[in-house]
Amino acid sequence: MTMTAKPAPAAAPSGAAATGSLLDRVLKVRELAILAVLVLLLLATQLDNSAFLSEQGIKDLLLNATILVLVGVGQATVVITRNVDLSVGSTLGITAFAAGEFLRGGGNPLVAVLIAVALGAGFGVVNGLLVSLGQVPALVVTLGTLYIIRGLDSIWFGSEQITAADLPSGFVGFGHNGWGALPYLAVLTAVVLAAAAYYLRGYRSGRDMYALGSSPEAARLAGVPVRKRILTAYVLCGALAGLAGALYLARFGNVDSGTGSGYELTVVSAVVVGGVAFTGGSGSLYGAALGALLLTSINSVLPSIGVSSVWVQAIDGILLLLAIAVDRVVALRVAAVLRKRAAQTRSAHHD
């Protein structure tokens, strides 16, 4: 008589995986809430200032957000792995100047962009190796490289300044023009955002970054190449900061050795406000992009309603603190729900 073995029951998800799944659902709701706040903010401003959402107004909003979104995408990738990169502002500044110096000498704009991306990726390699192989805390490493890159920038370019007059008109035009209210820079940024988000969710190496951020030890035991994934995240972050530097040059047509100073704090705020947990393992790049769009919109809204722009940084700080507090409350609630479910499961098994 032939015996048919019963299939083994599916293994229950680990605590870390269950936590990450539930937290992701909560953060998706949070992303929708950010989108709703953004829409209400823009509509309220439009009611107060009817010219705010004109074709040019929408174009300016998108242009203002593109650079921050690009850098935020790279930063979010690093934060998901439970690390941080504080050198992105300095990287943006030095790559913008390097691209401008190349263009001022008669170089091809596409090559200038590639130089900026390669230079940014190089700084990402340095950060990634120090964090992954050197086992040095990311905060310490990237704070150090922030000052090193800023120092190199000052030594290399000194008091020089690059203006739009030094750049090809087509390159500067690309930074301002578009199809109606939709600028070219916004289209390029949307393509990069979609590609990076698809990589994180669609490829195993991308999903490994979430696993690493959720529980580094569990990821290591599961065979995730931890050092390689951390290095990849930093290289991607550096490359996107370099791309943002080249596009910053096209957008504003003016850079000096101080360009990008303090930008890293705005980037971190955008990422955390967008729902990427600073403790790693959860959040999405689309949420980080929404966070960036919200912060840049606030920056545009305040002057249009007669509020001094000096309030911008204070509001950014308040939003950052609120986002961290929300993350902490959500994490505690999720942990409590999972403990309750585990207790109910054990009780059911005993019965």
Foldseek 3Di string as FASTA:
>chain_A
DDDDDDDDDDDDDDPLVLLQVVLQVVLVVLLVVLVVVLVVLQVVLCVVPVCCPDLQNLLVLLLLLLLLLLLLLLQLLLLQLLAGALQLLLLLQQLLVQLLVCQLVVHDLVVSLVSLLVSLLVVLLVLLCCVQVVVDGSVVSNVVVNVVSLVCQCVVFPFDKFALVSHDPVLLCLLRDDDRSHGNSSVVSVVVQVVSQCCLPPPPLNVLSLVSLSPVVVSVVVPRPSSVSSSVSSSSSSSSSSSSSNSVCSNGRMGGSCGSVPVSLLSVLLNLLLRSASSHNYGGSVSSSSSSSSLSVVCVSQVSNPHDSVCSVVVSVVSSVVSNVVSVVSSVVSVVVVVVVVVVVVVVVVD
